[in-house]
C-alpha atoms as a PDB file:
ATOM      1  CA  MET A   1      -4.477  10.336  -6.429  1.00  0.00           C
ATOM      2  CA  ARG A   2      -2.896  12.748  -8.631  1.00  0.00           C
ATOM      3  CA  ALA A   3       0.788  14.044  -8.287  1.00  0.00           C
ATOM      4  CA  SER A   4       3.453  15.917 -10.045  1.00  0.00           C
ATOM      5  CA  ALA A   5       6.701  14.334 -10.774  1.00  0.00           C
ATOM      6  CA  HIS A   6       8.413  16.067  -8.078  1.00  0.00           C
ATOM      7  CA  GLU A   7       5.677  14.877  -5.391  1.00  0.00           C
ATOM      8  CA  LEU A   8       5.902  11.119  -6.178  1.00  0.00           C
ATOM      9  CA  GLY A   9       8.750  10.130  -4.097  1.00  0.00           C
ATOM     10  CA  ASP A  10       7.443  11.892  -0.977  1.00  0.00           C
ATOM     11  CA  LEU A  11       3.960  10.375  -1.823  1.00  0.00           C
ATOM     12  CA  TRP A  12       5.481   6.857  -2.169  1.00  0.00           C
ATOM     13  CA  GLU A  13       7.105   6.986   1.102  1.00  0.00           C
ATOM     14  CA  GLN A  14       3.711   8.025   2.722  1.00  0.00           C
ATOM     15  CA  VAL A  15       2.122   5.240   1.022  1.00  0.00           C
ATOM     16  CA  VAL A  16       4.644   2.547   2.091  1.00  0.00           C
ATOM     17  CA  GLU A  17       4.528   3.715   5.646  1.00  0.00           C
ATOM     18  CA  LEU A  18       0.678   3.407   5.567  1.00  0.00           C
ATOM     19  CA  MET A  19       0.888   0.060   4.254  1.00  0.00           C
ATOM     20  CA  ARG A  20       3.714  -0.730   6.916  1.00  0.00           C
ATOM     21  CA  ILE A  21       1.415   0.418   9.647  1.00  0.00           C
ATOM     22  CA  PHE A  22      -1.479  -1.959   8.482  1.00  0.00           C
ATOM     23  CA  ALA A  23       0.887  -4.874   8.178  1.00  0.00           C
ATOM     24  CA  ARG A  24       2.399  -4.403  11.730  1.00  0.00           C
ATOM     25  CA  ALA A  25      -1.211  -4.626  13.012  1.00  0.00           C
ATOM     26  CA  GLY A  26      -1.902  -7.656  11.024  1.00  0.00           C
ATOM     27  CA  TYR A  27      -3.905  -5.977   8.217  1.00  0.00           C
ATOM     28  CA  ALA A  28      -4.171  -5.343   4.577  1.00  0.00           C
ATOM     29  CA  HIS A  29      -6.406  -2.811   3.025  1.00  0.00           C
ATOM     30  CA  GLY A  30      -7.507  -5.350   0.656  1.00  0.00           C
ATOM     31  CA  ASP A  31      -8.557  -2.987  -2.144  1.00  0.00           C
ATOM     32  CA  LEU A  32      -5.711  -0.424  -1.937  1.00  0.00           C
ATOM     33  CA  SER A  33      -5.437   1.501  -5.234  1.00  0.00           C
ATOM     34  CA  PRO A  34      -5.078   5.208  -6.300  1.00  0.00           C
ATOM     35  CA  TYR A  35      -8.737   5.391  -6.134  1.00  0.00           C
ATOM     36  CA  ASN A  36      -8.604   4.858  -2.182  1.00  0.00           C
ATOM     37  CA  LEU A  37      -5.703   7.138  -1.638  1.00  0.00           C
ATOM     38  CA  LEU A  38      -6.414  10.928  -1.588  1.00  0.00           C
ATOM     39  CA  VAL A  39      -3.957  13.764  -1.212  1.00  0.00           C
ATOM     40  CA  HIS A  40      -4.822  16.642   0.954  1.00  0.00           C
ATOM     41  CA  HIS A  41      -2.359  19.325   1.637  1.00  0.00           C
ATOM     42  CA  GLY A  42       0.616  16.869   0.655  1.00  0.00           C
ATOM     43  CA  ARG A  43      -0.674  14.037   3.017  1.00  0.00           C
ATOM     44  CA  VAL A  44      -1.859  10.792   1.675  1.00  0.00           C
ATOM     45  CA  VAL A  45      -5.213   9.928   3.101  1.00  0.00           C
ATOM     46  CA  VAL A  46      -6.402   6.288   2.970  1.00  0.00           C
ATOM     47  CA  ILE A  47     -10.295   5.732   2.214  1.00  0.00           C
ATOM     48  CA  ASP A  48     -12.479   2.743   2.373  1.00  0.00           C
ATOM     49  CA  VAL A  49     -10.843   1.376   5.499  1.00  0.00           C
ATOM     50  CA  PRO A  50     -13.818  -0.528   6.589  1.00  0.00           C
ATOM     51  CA  GLN A  51     -13.115  -3.336   4.345  1.00  0.00           C
ATOM     52  CA  ILE A  52      -9.717  -3.866   5.828  1.00  0.00           C
ATOM     53  CA  VAL A  53      -8.670  -7.595   6.052  1.00  0.00           C
ATOM     54  CA  ASP A  54      -6.984  -9.614   8.805  1.00  0.00           C
ATOM     55  CA  ILE A  55      -3.998 -11.098   6.794  1.00  0.00           C
ATOM     56  CA  VAL A  56      -3.600 -14.120   9.021  1.00  0.00           C
ATOM     57  CA  SER A  57      -7.206 -15.301   9.781  1.00  0.00           C
ATOM     58  CA  ASN A  58      -8.342 -14.693   6.112  1.00  0.00           C
ATOM     59  CA  PRO A  59      -7.473 -17.495   3.631  1.00  0.00           C
ATOM     60  CA  ARG A  60      -6.765 -14.742   0.903  1.00  0.00           C
ATOM     61  CA  GLY A  61      -4.987 -12.630   3.352  1.00  0.00           C
ATOM     62  CA  MET A  62      -1.412 -12.873   1.646  1.00  0.00           C
ATOM     63  CA  GLU A  63      -2.954 -12.606  -1.715  1.00  0.00           C
ATOM     64  CA  LEU A  64      -4.733  -9.253  -0.923  1.00  0.00           C
ATOM     65  CA  VAL A  65      -1.405  -7.987   0.476  1.00  0.00           C
ATOM     66  CA  GLU A  66       0.219  -8.868  -2.871  1.00  0.00           C
ATOM     67  CA  ARG A  67      -2.825  -7.296  -4.858  1.00  0.00           C
ATOM     68  CA  ASP A  68      -2.592  -4.080  -2.849  1.00  0.00           C
ATOM     69  CA  CYS A  69       1.348  -3.775  -3.609  1.00  0.00           C
ATOM     70  CA  LEU A  70       0.697  -4.864  -7.265  1.00  0.00           C
ATOM     71  CA  ASN A  71      -2.082  -1.915  -7.498  1.00  0.00           C
ATOM     72  CA  VAL A  72      -0.037   0.746  -5.790  1.00  0.00           C
ATOM     73  CA  CYS A  73       3.342  -0.277  -7.571  1.00  0.00           C
ATOM     74  CA  SER A  74       1.647  -0.225 -11.042  1.00  0.00           C
ATOM     75  CA  TRP A  75       0.403   3.356 -10.410  1.00  0.00           C
ATOM     76  CA  PHE A  76       3.739   4.763  -9.239  1.00  0.00           C
ATOM     77  CA  THR A  77       5.665   2.929 -12.214  1.00  0.00           C
ATOM     78  CA  ARG A  78       3.403   4.439 -14.747  1.00  0.00           C
ATOM     79  CA  ARG A  79       4.344   7.804 -13.478  1.00  0.00           C
ATOM     80  CA  GLY A  80       8.057   7.148 -13.413  1.00  0.00           C
ATOM     81  CA  LEU A  81       8.788   5.875  -9.890  1.00  0.00           C
ATOM     82  CA  GLU A  82       9.935   2.347 -10.131  1.00  0.00           C
ATOM     83  CA  CYS A  83       9.070  -0.212  -7.340  1.00  0.00           C
ATOM     84  CA  ASP A  84       8.989  -3.718  -7.256  1.00  0.00           C
ATOM     85  CA  PRO A  85       5.410  -5.148  -5.851  1.00  0.00           C
ATOM     86  CA  ALA A  86       7.135  -8.287  -4.992  1.00  0.00           C
ATOM     87  CA  GLU A  87       9.702  -6.776  -2.859  1.00  0.00           C
ATOM     88  CA  LEU A  88       7.190  -4.568  -1.247  1.00  0.00           C
ATOM     89  CA  SER A  89       4.956  -7.525  -0.514  1.00  0.00           C
ATOM     90  CA  GLY A  90       7.721  -9.440   1.036  1.00  0.00           C
ATOM     91  CA  GLU A  91       8.526  -6.478   3.334  1.00  0.00           C
ATOM     92  CA  LEU A  92       5.001  -6.093   4.452  1.00  0.00           C
ATOM     93  CA  MET A  93       4.709  -9.795   5.112  1.00  0.00           C
ATOM     94  CA  ALA A  94       8.073  -9.455   7.307  1.00  0.00           C
ATOM     95  CA  GLU A  95       6.370  -6.595   9.322  1.00  0.00           C
ATOM     96  CA  ALA A  96       3.168  -8.505   9.507  1.00  0.00           C
ATOM     97  CA  PHE A  97       4.873 -11.680  11.163  1.00  0.00           C
ATOM     98  CA  GLY A  98       7.499  -9.836  13.208  1.00  0.00           C
ATOM     99  CA  ARG A  99      10.560 -10.732  11.082  1.00  0.00           C
END
């Protein structure tokens, strides 16, 4: 995923919303990174979805949510948009468990 500085905020919001949608359904991508996030006409598209992980039944489910958050936050932070992977992970877990 490539973006100019002025596109970062919008792309971040889209990625977070996609992660929330997965979490509300009880899933994590499991390998979410910039390589699995494409931008088409300003919209983020997630690829490699068949590897999605059930975060409740998979013993590593919460770890995979955390890894997805770290990967995504690292990419955005390197481009100047600060985000906290622990905060995002906590938000997604709350979404997943209905809190």
